[in-house]
Amino acid sequence: MEYILIGEIVNTFGIKGELKVKSYTDFNEVRFGKDQTLYIKFHNAYQEVCVHSYREHKGHVLVAFKDLLDINKVEKYIGCEIYVSEEDLHELDEGEYYFRDLVGCKVQLHGEIIGEVTEVMDYPANEVLRIQMKDKEILLPFVEAFVLDVDLDKELITIDVIEGML
């Protein structure tokens, strides 16, 4: 089974087993919703857990798992990562992409391959592509003004930029 990283446990919250999670997903309500099955990577093994409750608080996700509703049962998970099964990923609307699908795509400008996406960063205004070129690295906002086409089958992103951007 393939697992997709969706968050990291940064601390406990209160005494009733809630965990403070730094989320790496745009779908918090879906991923951390009640009764969702998730996996905590603990000592290099994936431990299946079921969500008891979820809420957001000061930029973090607070989540509690069934059968782990006590701070003494969850403290050991601080620093662990939370995953979802690849089978549980849902289809995205047209024009939406999972970050993992964009990483590794070649980047084309005016018909010439100029680099490769090495990372997708999520910022409040928009996502940003980190593109490794031959001699430098650039950051490109993932917006319609610069990204003309994304072809996941060909692993190719076609861009257009303004003068001085490269």
Protein backbone atom coordinates (compact mmCIF):
# COMPACT_ATOMS: atom_id res chain seq x y z
CA MET A 1 0.00 0.00 0.00
CA GLU A 2 1.22 3.52 -0.84
CA TYR A 3 0.92 6.28 1.75
CA ILE A 4 0.71 10.03 1.16
CA LEU A 5 2.00 12.47 3.79
CA ILE A 6 -0.70 14.87 4.99
CA GLY A 7 0.69 16.28 8.23
CA GLU A 8 3.13 16.21 11.11
CA ILE A 9 2.26 15.99 14.80
CA VAL A 10 3.94 18.94 16.52
CA ASN A 11 2.52 18.66 20.04
CA THR A 12 -0.32 17.57 22.26
CA PHE A 13 -3.22 19.90 23.06
CA GLY A 14 -4.98 19.59 26.40
CA ILE A 15 -5.30 16.36 28.38
CA LYS A 16 -7.99 14.56 26.36
CA GLY A 17 -5.71 13.17 23.66
CA GLU A 18 -5.92 15.93 21.06
CA LEU A 19 -2.85 16.33 18.89
CA LYS A 20 -1.67 19.56 17.30
CA VAL A 21 -0.90 18.85 13.65
CA LYS A 22 0.90 20.92 11.02
CA SER A 23 -1.23 20.11 7.99
CA TYR A 24 0.25 19.58 4.51
CA THR A 25 -3.13 19.23 2.77
CA ASP A 26 -5.64 21.67 1.34
CA PHE A 27 -8.44 19.29 2.32
CA ASN A 28 -8.41 19.38 6.12
CA GLU A 29 -12.15 18.78 6.44
CA VAL A 30 -11.90 15.69 4.23
CA ARG A 31 -8.60 14.26 5.49
CA PHE A 32 -9.24 14.79 9.21
CA GLY A 33 -13.02 14.34 9.17
CA LYS A 34 -14.75 12.17 11.74
CA ASP A 35 -14.31 8.41 11.15
CA GLN A 36 -11.56 8.88 8.53
CA THR A 37 -8.84 6.25 8.54
CA LEU A 38 -5.32 7.69 8.79
CA TYR A 39 -1.88 6.22 9.46
CA ILE A 40 0.70 7.44 11.96
CA LYS A 41 4.26 6.53 11.07
CA PHE A 42 5.66 5.37 14.42
CA HIS A 43 9.02 3.56 14.64
CA ASN A 44 9.02 3.05 10.82
CA ALA A 45 5.65 1.27 10.88
CA TYR A 46 2.29 2.65 9.82
CA GLN A 47 -0.22 2.47 12.67
CA GLU A 48 -3.84 2.71 11.55
CA VAL A 49 -5.98 5.19 13.50
CA CYS A 50 -9.56 6.41 13.17
CA VAL A 51 -10.44 10.09 13.63
CA HIS A 52 -12.65 10.81 16.63
CA SER A 53 -12.75 14.61 16.27
CA TYR A 54 -11.18 17.43 14.31
CA ARG A 55 -11.06 21.22 14.53
CA GLU A 56 -8.77 24.02 13.49
CA HIS A 57 -7.03 26.32 15.97
CA LYS A 58 -4.54 29.12 15.28
CA GLY A 59 -3.30 27.74 11.95
CA HIS A 60 -3.04 24.13 13.09
CA VAL A 61 -5.30 21.12 12.99
CA LEU A 62 -6.35 19.62 16.31
CA VAL A 63 -7.27 15.97 15.92
CA ALA A 64 -8.15 13.18 18.34
CA PHE A 65 -8.23 9.49 17.49
CA LYS A 66 -10.61 6.84 18.75
CA ASP A 67 -9.10 4.65 21.48
CA LEU A 68 -6.41 7.32 22.09
CA LEU A 69 -8.42 9.91 24.04
CA ASP A 70 -5.84 10.48 26.78
CA ILE A 71 -2.69 12.60 26.74
CA ASN A 72 -0.71 9.66 28.13
CA LYS A 73 -1.60 7.57 25.07
CA VAL A 74 -0.63 10.19 22.47
CA GLU A 75 2.49 11.93 23.82
CA LYS A 76 4.69 9.33 22.14
CA TYR A 77 3.47 10.50 18.71
CA ILE A 78 4.94 14.02 18.94
CA GLY A 79 7.18 14.44 15.89
CA CYS A 80 5.50 11.62 13.95
CA GLU A 81 4.02 12.06 10.48
CA ILE A 82 0.40 11.38 9.51
CA TYR A 83 -0.46 9.70 6.22
CA VAL A 84 -3.49 8.78 4.17
CA SER A 85 -3.69 5.74 1.94
CA GLU A 86 -3.24 6.53 -1.74
CA GLU A 87 -6.48 4.62 -2.36
CA ASP A 88 -8.32 7.23 -0.27
CA LEU A 89 -7.28 10.15 -2.47
CA HIS A 90 -10.20 11.72 -4.27
CA GLU A 91 -10.38 12.93 -7.84
CA LEU A 92 -9.60 16.62 -8.24
CA ASP A 93 -11.47 19.08 -10.41
CA GLU A 94 -9.95 20.11 -13.71
CA GLY A 95 -7.10 22.54 -13.14
CA GLU A 96 -6.36 21.18 -9.63
CA TYR A 97 -3.31 19.06 -8.93
CA TYR A 98 -1.72 17.18 -6.09
CA PHE A 99 1.67 18.70 -5.31
CA ARG A 100 3.34 15.29 -5.58
CA ASP A 101 2.15 15.05 -9.21
CA LEU A 102 3.83 18.35 -10.15
CA VAL A 103 7.22 17.56 -8.61
CA GLY A 104 9.49 16.08 -11.27
CA CYS A 105 7.64 17.66 -14.20
CA LYS A 106 9.80 19.28 -16.87
CA VAL A 107 9.22 23.00 -17.43
CA GLN A 108 8.95 24.34 -20.97
CA LEU A 109 9.27 27.96 -22.11
CA HIS A 110 8.75 28.83 -25.80
CA GLY A 111 9.12 25.17 -26.79
CA GLU A 112 12.41 24.65 -24.92
CA ILE A 113 12.84 22.65 -21.72
CA ILE A 114 14.39 25.03 -19.19
CA GLY A 115 14.21 23.05 -15.94
CA GLU A 116 12.34 20.75 -13.61
CA VAL A 117 9.96 21.29 -10.69
CA THR A 118 11.69 20.24 -7.47
CA GLU A 119 9.13 21.47 -4.94
CA VAL A 120 5.68 23.02 -4.69
CA MET A 121 5.23 25.45 -1.82
CA ASP A 122 1.88 26.49 -0.42
CA TYR A 123 1.56 30.17 0.45
CA PRO A 124 -1.57 32.11 1.44
CA ALA A 125 -1.77 33.98 -1.89
CA ASN A 126 -1.02 31.01 -4.16
CA GLU A 127 1.22 28.01 -4.64
CA VAL A 128 4.78 28.54 -5.87
CA LEU A 129 6.85 26.18 -8.03
CA ARG A 130 10.56 25.79 -7.23
CA ILE A 131 12.21 25.15 -10.60
CA GLN A 132 15.77 23.90 -10.92
CA MET A 133 17.38 25.24 -14.08
CA LYS A 134 20.88 24.42 -15.39
CA ASP A 135 22.67 27.18 -13.53
CA LYS A 136 20.13 28.51 -11.03
CA GLU A 137 16.90 27.94 -9.21
CA ILE A 138 13.80 30.10 -9.60
CA LEU A 139 10.48 30.45 -7.83
CA LEU A 140 7.44 30.79 -10.07
CA PRO A 141 3.93 31.59 -8.82
CA PHE A 142 1.56 28.81 -9.89
CA VAL A 143 -1.01 31.16 -11.43
CA GLU A 144 -2.67 31.33 -14.85
CA ALA A 145 -0.61 34.38 -15.82
CA PHE A 146 2.58 32.27 -15.80
CA VAL A 147 1.45 28.64 -16.07
CA LEU A 148 -0.14 28.10 -19.47
CA ASP A 149 -0.61 24.32 -19.41
CA VAL A 150 -0.02 21.30 -17.18
CA ASP A 151 0.15 17.92 -18.91
CA LEU A 152 0.59 15.25 -16.24
CA ASP A 153 0.64 12.45 -18.82
CA LYS A 154 3.72 13.99 -20.45
CA GLU A 155 5.01 15.33 -17.10
CA LEU A 156 5.32 18.75 -18.73
CA ILE A 157 4.41 22.24 -17.53
CA THR A 158 4.35 25.02 -20.12
CA ILE A 159 5.02 28.50 -18.78
CA ASP A 160 5.32 32.09 -19.94
CA VAL A 161 7.11 34.72 -17.91
CA ILE A 162 7.61 38.45 -17.92
CA GLU A 163 10.92 40.03 -18.86
CA GLY A 164 13.48 39.81 -16.07
CA MET A 165 11.77 36.97 -14.25
CA LEU A 166 14.37 34.42 -15.28
